[in-house]
Each structure stands twice: as C-alpha cells, then as structure tokens.
C-alpha cells in the first residue's frame, strides 16, 4: 500500500463517521480542508481509544505508540500517514503526547460529571493548543472547553450508558444516556470558541448529541444544517 492510499484510508474512515461533513466543508478554507480532516481523523483515533471497553490492552498499547509518534512529529520525523500532512506544522506535539496517558485514566473517572470533566481537562487544553497552530488561529480562552465537551459527547455517542457518570446512571439506560447528554449540552454553549473548523464540527456534534438528549434520532433538514453551519463558521 502506498503512503498516499494509506493516508486516504484514514481520511475516508473519518468521512464515514461524519458523512454530513461534505455538506458543510465549503465553509472551510480550501487550503485547510485536507489538514482539517487529517487532524480530526487523528482525534478520532483518540476518541476510539477513550471509548474502549472490556480488555483495553491493545488500545492502550496503540495509545503508547501514538505518544511516541507525536514526539517524533516534533522533529518532523513522522511514520504515520497522517503525519505527512500534520507534522510539517510547528505545533506543540510534545504537549499533546504528554497528556495521552490521561485517556485510559479518564475511562474510570466517572463517579460524577465534575470528575469526568476534570479527568480530561489537560488533554482538552493540549488539543486546543495544537489546534490553534493547525488552523493558524489565536488560542482562545474557552477553546479547551469546546474540545472537552466534544470529547465527552463523542464518548457518550460511542459507549452509551458505559460513559454515563455513576451519579446520573439509573436503571433505565436510555434515560441515563439522555440525562448525561442534556447536561453536556447545557455546558456546550450555542456557539463554541475555537478556529472555524472546530466551530463547524461542534455544530454537527451538537446535533447528534441533541438526538441522544431527546432519546430519539434527529435528522435535521439539510437547509437547517447549512444555515447553522454558516452561522457557526462566521464566529460572531
């Protein structure tokens, strides 16, 4: 497999999870579109590891490998196909590598919402710091909060009741998931901080989380998605 086809496979994997991205991608600058998907594809790898259940030995080993890989990106010596797009950017890759061990610990930090959020705060801050460089944007004070909300929301979408804090979880799985989704949405904010790609992705993620909060799938009309994405892209 060539390096190009390997890269394409990782980008395609992300597009499969987010098919609606093709609808809103025109709001992203043309010269940022490939790096945008590459960056979000990398974060999806970490989201999957965070959502792992049962025997997580393989996922944790993969996470350790990623920490080494990100350290090599600091010196522009990537081995992974995503690095061919991302490691030329002079981002704080070491800072992100240093907080990856927080993800396995965060799996068990579910006694209550506050504990779940604090367990991922350093990770969210490191992601936001890299993201500012990736998208050539100033690092906004609340950018880490946007990443944190997204990360917790993605874990809930992937893991269901297993991602619900114990203080919320009850006998009914659907109600517990809906209650945690509702609480995450309260802290999400109608408009999030961060670079334009983050704001647009947050809009799509929020729509998915609203479906969980309502305990039923929501399928917004394309015109509604486009209008909301335009508003998110404007950033004001």
C-alpha atoms as a PDB file:
ATOM      1  CA  UNK A   1       0.000   0.000   0.000  1.00  0.00           C
ATOM      2  CA  UNK A   2       1.409   3.393  -0.962  1.00  0.00           C
ATOM      3  CA  UNK A   3       1.681   6.216   1.527  1.00  0.00           C
ATOM      4  CA  UNK A   4      -0.991   8.110  -0.387  1.00  0.00           C
ATOM      5  CA  UNK A   5      -3.522   5.275  -0.289  1.00  0.00           C
ATOM      6  CA  UNK A   6      -2.760   4.745   3.400  1.00  0.00           C
ATOM      7  CA  UNK A   7      -3.486   8.411   4.066  1.00  0.00           C
ATOM      8  CA  UNK A   8      -6.649   8.222   2.003  1.00  0.00           C
ATOM      9  CA  UNK A   9      -7.870   5.269   4.061  1.00  0.00           C
ATOM     10  CA  UNK A  10      -7.542   7.216   7.319  1.00  0.00           C
ATOM     11  CA  UNK A  11      -9.286  10.251   5.871  1.00  0.00           C
ATOM     12  CA  UNK A  12     -12.039   8.036   4.457  1.00  0.00           C
ATOM     13  CA  UNK A  13     -12.544   6.423   7.860  1.00  0.00           C
ATOM     14  CA  UNK A  14     -13.290   9.841   9.333  1.00  0.00           C
ATOM     15  CA  UNK A  15     -15.612  10.768   6.471  1.00  0.00           C
ATOM     16  CA  UNK A  16     -17.547   7.541   7.055  1.00  0.00           C
ATOM     17  CA  UNK A  17     -18.243   8.642  10.638  1.00  0.00           C
ATOM     18  CA  UNK A  18     -19.100  12.188   9.569  1.00  0.00           C
ATOM     19  CA  UNK A  19     -20.807  11.957   6.162  1.00  0.00           C
ATOM     20  CA  UNK A  20     -22.523  15.288   6.797  1.00  0.00           C
ATOM     21  CA  UNK A  21     -19.109  16.987   6.641  1.00  0.00           C
ATOM     22  CA  UNK A  22     -19.354  17.036   2.846  1.00  0.00           C
ATOM     23  CA  UNK A  23     -22.328  19.349   3.251  1.00  0.00           C
ATOM     24  CA  UNK A  24     -20.530  21.903   5.436  1.00  0.00           C
ATOM     25  CA  UNK A  25     -16.963  21.620   4.097  1.00  0.00           C
ATOM     26  CA  UNK A  26     -17.449  24.586   1.732  1.00  0.00           C
ATOM     27  CA  UNK A  27     -17.334  26.796   4.847  1.00  0.00           C
ATOM     28  CA  UNK A  28     -13.700  25.719   5.394  1.00  0.00           C
ATOM     29  CA  UNK A  29     -10.881  27.429   3.508  1.00  0.00           C
ATOM     30  CA  UNK A  30      -9.739  25.284   0.577  1.00  0.00           C
ATOM     31  CA  UNK A  31      -6.104  25.239   1.713  1.00  0.00           C
ATOM     32  CA  UNK A  32      -7.139  23.935   5.157  1.00  0.00           C
ATOM     33  CA  UNK A  33      -9.501  21.147   4.127  1.00  0.00           C
ATOM     34  CA  UNK A  34      -7.019  18.271   3.957  1.00  0.00           C
ATOM     35  CA  UNK A  35      -5.259  19.188   7.198  1.00  0.00           C
ATOM     36  CA  UNK A  36      -8.671  19.688   8.796  1.00  0.00           C
ATOM     37  CA  UNK A  37      -9.785  16.132   8.062  1.00  0.00           C
ATOM     38  CA  UNK A  38      -6.332  14.748   8.919  1.00  0.00           C
ATOM     39  CA  UNK A  39      -6.413  16.474  12.311  1.00  0.00           C
ATOM     40  CA  UNK A  40      -9.935  15.359  13.112  1.00  0.00           C
ATOM     41  CA  UNK A  41      -9.056  11.834  11.953  1.00  0.00           C
ATOM     42  CA  UNK A  42      -6.200  11.826  14.482  1.00  0.00           C
ATOM     43  CA  UNK A  43      -8.533  12.970  17.254  1.00  0.00           C
ATOM     44  CA  UNK A  44     -10.979  10.249  16.230  1.00  0.00           C
ATOM     45  CA  UNK A  45      -8.249   7.701  16.929  1.00  0.00           C
ATOM     46  CA  UNK A  46      -8.024   9.069  20.463  1.00  0.00           C
ATOM     47  CA  UNK A  47     -11.816   9.179  20.832  1.00  0.00           C
ATOM     48  CA  UNK A  48     -11.963   5.483  19.924  1.00  0.00           C
ATOM     49  CA  UNK A  49      -9.304   4.640  22.489  1.00  0.00           C
ATOM     50  CA  UNK A  50     -11.148   6.610  25.170  1.00  0.00           C
ATOM     51  CA  UNK A  51     -14.364   4.749  24.344  1.00  0.00           C
ATOM     52  CA  UNK A  52     -12.746   1.302  24.512  1.00  0.00           C
ATOM     53  CA  UNK A  53     -14.423  -1.193  26.851  1.00  0.00           C
ATOM     54  CA  UNK A  54     -13.518  -4.590  28.274  1.00  0.00           C
ATOM     55  CA  UNK A  55      -9.918  -5.653  27.755  1.00  0.00           C
ATOM     56  CA  UNK A  56      -8.244  -2.445  26.559  1.00  0.00           C
ATOM     57  CA  UNK A  57      -4.693  -3.807  26.372  1.00  0.00           C
ATOM     58  CA  UNK A  58      -4.489  -3.388  22.600  1.00  0.00           C
ATOM     59  CA  UNK A  59      -5.954   0.120  22.662  1.00  0.00           C
ATOM     60  CA  UNK A  60      -3.618   1.229  25.433  1.00  0.00           C
ATOM     61  CA  UNK A  61      -0.620  -0.129  23.513  1.00  0.00           C
ATOM     62  CA  UNK A  62      -1.811   1.799  20.474  1.00  0.00           C
ATOM     63  CA  UNK A  63      -2.063   4.949  22.578  1.00  0.00           C
ATOM     64  CA  UNK A  64       1.517   4.494  23.799  1.00  0.00           C
ATOM     65  CA  UNK A  65       2.606   4.158  20.175  1.00  0.00           C
ATOM     66  CA  UNK A  66       0.794   7.378  19.318  1.00  0.00           C
ATOM     67  CA  UNK A  67       2.595   9.192  22.132  1.00  0.00           C
ATOM     68  CA  UNK A  68       5.929   8.152  20.625  1.00  0.00           C
ATOM     69  CA  UNK A  69       4.738   9.115  17.159  1.00  0.00           C
ATOM     70  CA  UNK A  70       3.693  12.597  18.259  1.00  0.00           C
ATOM     71  CA  UNK A  71       7.095  13.136  19.849  1.00  0.00           C
ATOM     72  CA  UNK A  72       8.672  12.261  16.509  1.00  0.00           C
ATOM     73  CA  UNK A  73       6.420  14.823  14.833  1.00  0.00           C
ATOM     74  CA  UNK A  74       8.054  17.486  16.958  1.00  0.00           C
ATOM     75  CA  UNK A  75      11.188  16.785  14.931  1.00  0.00           C
ATOM     76  CA  UNK A  76       9.243  16.224  11.685  1.00  0.00           C
ATOM     77  CA  UNK A  77      10.093  12.518  11.596  1.00  0.00           C
ATOM     78  CA  UNK A  78       6.633  11.023  11.160  1.00  0.00           C
ATOM     79  CA  UNK A  79       5.963   7.365  10.425  1.00  0.00           C
ATOM     80  CA  UNK A  80       2.167   7.509  10.266  1.00  0.00           C
ATOM     81  CA  UNK A  81       0.437   8.690   7.057  1.00  0.00           C
ATOM     82  CA  UNK A  82      -1.382  11.446   8.943  1.00  0.00           C
ATOM     83  CA  UNK A  83       1.994  12.873   9.880  1.00  0.00           C
ATOM     84  CA  UNK A  84       2.735  13.634   6.253  1.00  0.00           C
ATOM     85  CA  UNK A  85       0.014  16.259   6.457  1.00  0.00           C
ATOM     86  CA  UNK A  86       0.374  17.358  10.067  1.00  0.00           C
ATOM     87  CA  UNK A  87       3.992  17.153  11.189  1.00  0.00           C
ATOM     88  CA  UNK A  88       5.213  19.993   8.923  1.00  0.00           C
ATOM     89  CA  UNK A  89       3.115  22.256  11.157  1.00  0.00           C
ATOM     90  CA  UNK A  90       5.137  23.560  14.097  1.00  0.00           C
ATOM     91  CA  UNK A  91       2.529  22.632  16.677  1.00  0.00           C
ATOM     92  CA  UNK A  92       3.164  21.650  20.329  1.00  0.00           C
ATOM     93  CA  UNK A  93       3.058  17.918  19.590  1.00  0.00           C
ATOM     94  CA  UNK A  94       5.077  17.078  22.703  1.00  0.00           C
ATOM     95  CA  UNK A  95       2.455  18.668  24.917  1.00  0.00           C
ATOM     96  CA  UNK A  96      -0.241  16.507  23.370  1.00  0.00           C
ATOM     97  CA  UNK A  97       1.907  13.389  23.663  1.00  0.00           C
ATOM     98  CA  UNK A  98       2.473  14.070  27.362  1.00  0.00           C
ATOM     99  CA  UNK A  99      -1.253  14.062  28.204  1.00  0.00           C
ATOM    100  CA  UNK A 100      -2.301  10.978  26.212  1.00  0.00           C
ATOM    101  CA  UNK A 101      -1.909   8.780  29.340  1.00  0.00           C
ATOM    102  CA  UNK A 102      -4.859  10.728  30.772  1.00  0.00           C
ATOM    103  CA  UNK A 103      -7.219   8.913  28.389  1.00  0.00           C
ATOM    104  CA  UNK A 104      -7.039   5.434  29.989  1.00  0.00           C
ATOM    105  CA  UNK A 105      -7.360   7.024  33.425  1.00  0.00           C
ATOM    106  CA  UNK A 106     -10.379   9.025  32.251  1.00  0.00           C
ATOM    107  CA  UNK A 107     -12.257   5.832  31.353  1.00  0.00           C
ATOM    108  CA  UNK A 108     -12.678   5.073  35.046  1.00  0.00           C
ATOM    109  CA  UNK A 109     -13.206   8.669  36.174  1.00  0.00           C
ATOM    110  CA  UNK A 110     -16.977   8.513  36.069  1.00  0.00           C
ATOM    111  CA  UNK A 111     -18.148   8.901  39.644  1.00  0.00           C
ATOM    112  CA  UNK A 112     -19.827  12.216  38.817  1.00  0.00           C
ATOM    113  CA  UNK A 113     -19.830  14.812  35.992  1.00  0.00           C
ATOM    114  CA  UNK A 114     -17.203  17.006  37.619  1.00  0.00           C
ATOM    115  CA  UNK A 115     -14.743  14.137  37.937  1.00  0.00           C
ATOM    116  CA  UNK A 116     -15.378  13.091  34.321  1.00  0.00           C
ATOM    117  CA  UNK A 117     -14.645  16.607  33.113  1.00  0.00           C
ATOM    118  CA  UNK A 118     -11.565  17.198  35.259  1.00  0.00           C
ATOM    119  CA  UNK A 119     -10.037  13.932  34.080  1.00  0.00           C
ATOM    120  CA  UNK A 120      -9.892  15.277  30.519  1.00  0.00           C
ATOM    121  CA  UNK A 121      -9.097  18.942  31.139  1.00  0.00           C
ATOM    122  CA  UNK A 122      -5.359  18.678  30.471  1.00  0.00           C
ATOM    123  CA  UNK A 123      -5.998  16.642  27.334  1.00  0.00           C
ATOM    124  CA  UNK A 124      -8.539  19.182  26.065  1.00  0.00           C
ATOM    125  CA  UNK A 125      -6.136  22.056  26.711  1.00  0.00           C
ATOM    126  CA  UNK A 126      -3.342  20.292  24.805  1.00  0.00           C
ATOM    127  CA  UNK A 127      -5.667  19.565  21.868  1.00  0.00           C
ATOM    128  CA  UNK A 128      -6.786  23.198  21.757  1.00  0.00           C
ATOM    129  CA  UNK A 129      -3.169  24.401  21.782  1.00  0.00           C
ATOM    130  CA  UNK A 130      -2.276  22.180  18.821  1.00  0.00           C
ATOM    131  CA  UNK A 131      -5.481  23.075  17.019  1.00  0.00           C
ATOM    132  CA  UNK A 132      -4.699  26.788  17.136  1.00  0.00           C
ATOM    133  CA  UNK A 133      -1.484  26.126  15.202  1.00  0.00           C
ATOM    134  CA  UNK A 134      -3.041  23.615  12.806  1.00  0.00           C
ATOM    135  CA  UNK A 135      -5.653  26.169  11.770  1.00  0.00           C
ATOM    136  CA  UNK A 136      -3.450  29.252  12.118  1.00  0.00           C
ATOM    137  CA  UNK A 137      -5.764  30.888  14.630  1.00  0.00           C
ATOM    138  CA  UNK A 138      -5.306  32.569  18.024  1.00  0.00           C
ATOM    139  CA  UNK A 139      -5.760  30.323  21.037  1.00  0.00           C
ATOM    140  CA  UNK A 140      -8.991  31.473  22.644  1.00  0.00           C
ATOM    141  CA  UNK A 141      -9.523  31.163  26.418  1.00  0.00           C
ATOM    142  CA  UNK A 142     -12.573  28.891  26.069  1.00  0.00           C
ATOM    143  CA  UNK A 143     -11.245  26.729  23.231  1.00  0.00           C
ATOM    144  CA  UNK A 144     -10.320  23.880  25.583  1.00  0.00           C
ATOM    145  CA  UNK A 145     -13.886  23.792  26.918  1.00  0.00           C
ATOM    146  CA  UNK A 146     -15.172  23.235  23.391  1.00  0.00           C
ATOM    147  CA  UNK A 147     -12.782  20.321  22.934  1.00  0.00           C
ATOM    148  CA  UNK A 148     -13.741  18.883  26.317  1.00  0.00           C
ATOM    149  CA  UNK A 149     -17.465  18.987  25.539  1.00  0.00           C
ATOM    150  CA  UNK A 150     -16.880  17.381  22.156  1.00  0.00           C
ATOM    151  CA  UNK A 151     -14.702  14.613  23.623  1.00  0.00           C
ATOM    152  CA  UNK A 152     -17.220  13.720  26.317  1.00  0.00           C
ATOM    153  CA  UNK A 153     -20.033  13.846  23.778  1.00  0.00           C
ATOM    154  CA  UNK A 154     -18.209  11.520  21.394  1.00  0.00           C
ATOM    155  CA  UNK A 155     -17.551   9.064  24.176  1.00  0.00           C
ATOM    156  CA  UNK A 156     -21.238   9.038  25.041  1.00  0.00           C
ATOM    157  CA  UNK A 157     -22.217   8.523  21.394  1.00  0.00           C
ATOM    158  CA  UNK A 158     -19.840   5.562  21.121  1.00  0.00           C
ATOM    159  CA  UNK A 159     -20.249   3.909  24.519  1.00  0.00           C
ATOM    160  CA  UNK A 160     -23.780   4.732  25.616  1.00  0.00           C
ATOM    161  CA  UNK A 161     -24.537   4.009  29.264  1.00  0.00           C
ATOM    162  CA  UNK A 162     -20.926   2.923  29.897  1.00  0.00           C
ATOM    163  CA  UNK A 163     -19.934   6.593  29.510  1.00  0.00           C
ATOM    164  CA  UNK A 164     -22.536   7.956  31.940  1.00  0.00           C
ATOM    165  CA  UNK A 165     -21.283   9.115  35.372  1.00  0.00           C
ATOM    166  CA  UNK A 166     -22.470   6.910  38.222  1.00  0.00           C
ATOM    167  CA  UNK A 167     -24.270   9.794  39.909  1.00  0.00           C
ATOM    168  CA  UNK A 168     -26.523  10.084  36.844  1.00  0.00           C
ATOM    169  CA  UNK A 169     -26.836   6.467  35.782  1.00  0.00           C
ATOM    170  CA  UNK A 170     -30.045   4.732  36.774  1.00  0.00           C
ATOM    171  CA  UNK A 171     -31.858   1.540  35.946  1.00  0.00           C
ATOM    172  CA  UNK A 172     -33.048   2.763  32.551  1.00  0.00           C
ATOM    173  CA  UNK A 173     -30.138   3.025  30.123  1.00  0.00           C
ATOM    174  CA  UNK A 174     -31.949   5.317  27.708  1.00  0.00           C
ATOM    175  CA  UNK A 175     -32.896   7.788  30.408  1.00  0.00           C
ATOM    176  CA  UNK A 176     -29.369   7.823  31.819  1.00  0.00           C
ATOM    177  CA  UNK A 177     -27.826   8.497  28.415  1.00  0.00           C
ATOM    178  CA  UNK A 178     -30.380  11.224  27.706  1.00  0.00           C
ATOM    179  CA  UNK A 179     -29.764  12.850  31.096  1.00  0.00           C
ATOM    180  CA  UNK A 180     -25.982  12.971  30.595  1.00  0.00           C
ATOM    181  CA  UNK A 181     -26.427  14.284  27.031  1.00  0.00           C
ATOM    182  CA  UNK A 182     -28.715  17.015  28.360  1.00  0.00           C
ATOM    183  CA  UNK A 183     -26.153  18.000  30.972  1.00  0.00           C
ATOM    184  CA  UNK A 184     -23.354  18.113  28.395  1.00  0.00           C
ATOM    185  CA  UNK A 185     -25.466  20.329  26.160  1.00  0.00           C
ATOM    186  CA  UNK A 186     -26.048  22.791  28.992  1.00  0.00           C
ATOM    187  CA  UNK A 187     -22.304  23.392  29.231  1.00  0.00           C
ATOM    188  CA  UNK A 188     -21.775  23.269  25.472  1.00  0.00           C
ATOM    189  CA  UNK A 189     -22.990  26.706  24.544  1.00  0.00           C
ATOM    190  CA  UNK A 190     -24.843  27.647  21.378  1.00  0.00           C
ATOM    191  CA  UNK A 191     -21.612  28.960  19.880  1.00  0.00           C
ATOM    192  CA  UNK A 192     -18.275  27.460  20.863  1.00  0.00           C
ATOM    193  CA  UNK A 193     -14.819  29.001  20.908  1.00  0.00           C
ATOM    194  CA  UNK A 194     -12.004  27.948  18.646  1.00  0.00           C
ATOM    195  CA  UNK A 195     -10.964  28.032  14.985  1.00  0.00           C
ATOM    196  CA  UNK A 196     -13.596  27.837  12.265  1.00  0.00           C
ATOM    197  CA  UNK A 197     -13.223  24.068  11.605  1.00  0.00           C
ATOM    198  CA  UNK A 198     -13.762  23.360  15.307  1.00  0.00           C
ATOM    199  CA  UNK A 199     -16.856  25.544  15.394  1.00  0.00           C
ATOM    200  CA  UNK A 200     -18.354  23.855  12.333  1.00  0.00           C
ATOM    201  CA  UNK A 201     -17.608  20.342  13.621  1.00  0.00           C
ATOM    202  CA  UNK A 202     -19.054  21.316  17.006  1.00  0.00           C
ATOM    203  CA  UNK A 203     -22.297  22.209  15.272  1.00  0.00           C
ATOM    204  CA  UNK A 204     -22.537  18.729  13.736  1.00  0.00           C
ATOM    205  CA  UNK A 205     -21.610  17.072  17.018  1.00  0.00           C
ATOM    206  CA  UNK A 206     -24.181  19.146  18.891  1.00  0.00           C
ATOM    207  CA  UNK A 207     -26.931  18.000  16.522  1.00  0.00           C
ATOM    208  CA  UNK A 208     -26.012  14.374  17.205  1.00  0.00           C
ATOM    209  CA  UNK A 209     -25.940  14.941  20.938  1.00  0.00           C
ATOM    210  CA  UNK A 210     -29.353  16.586  20.810  1.00  0.00           C
ATOM    211  CA  UNK A 211     -30.679  13.315  19.410  1.00  0.00           C
ATOM    212  CA  UNK A 212     -29.344  11.458  22.445  1.00  0.00           C
ATOM    213  CA  UNK A 213     -30.773  14.093  24.774  1.00  0.00           C
ATOM    214  CA  UNK A 214     -34.188  13.630  23.206  1.00  0.00           C
ATOM    215  CA  UNK A 215     -33.764   9.836  23.345  1.00  0.00           C
ATOM    216  CA  UNK A 216     -34.587   9.625  19.643  1.00  0.00           C
ATOM    217  CA  UNK A 217     -32.622  10.166  16.420  1.00  0.00           C
ATOM    218  CA  UNK A 218     -32.855  13.633  14.938  1.00  0.00           C
ATOM    219  CA  UNK A 219     -32.453  14.244  11.213  1.00  0.00           C
ATOM    220  CA  UNK A 220     -32.314  17.991  10.624  1.00  0.00           C
ATOM    221  CA  UNK A 221     -33.133  19.212   7.129  1.00  0.00           C
ATOM    222  CA  UNK A 222     -30.063  19.986   5.026  1.00  0.00           C
ATOM    223  CA  UNK A 223     -31.096  23.623   4.794  1.00  0.00           C
ATOM    224  CA  UNK A 224     -31.153  23.818   8.599  1.00  0.00           C
ATOM    225  CA  UNK A 225     -27.696  22.248   8.858  1.00  0.00           C
ATOM    226  CA  UNK A 226     -26.311  24.648   6.260  1.00  0.00           C
ATOM    227  CA  UNK A 227     -27.785  27.686   7.992  1.00  0.00           C
ATOM    228  CA  UNK A 228     -26.432  26.622  11.389  1.00  0.00           C
ATOM    229  CA  UNK A 229     -23.024  25.771   9.898  1.00  0.00           C
ATOM    230  CA  UNK A 230     -22.850  29.165   8.189  1.00  0.00           C
ATOM    231  CA  UNK A 231     -23.633  30.843  11.484  1.00  0.00           C
ATOM    232  CA  UNK A 232     -21.008  28.739  13.299  1.00  0.00           C
ATOM    233  CA  UNK A 233     -18.428  29.477  10.601  1.00  0.00           C
ATOM    234  CA  UNK A 234     -18.957  33.239  10.946  1.00  0.00           C
ATOM    235  CA  UNK A 235     -17.862  33.043  14.576  1.00  0.00           C
ATOM    236  CA  UNK A 236     -19.774  36.098  15.740  1.00  0.00           C
END
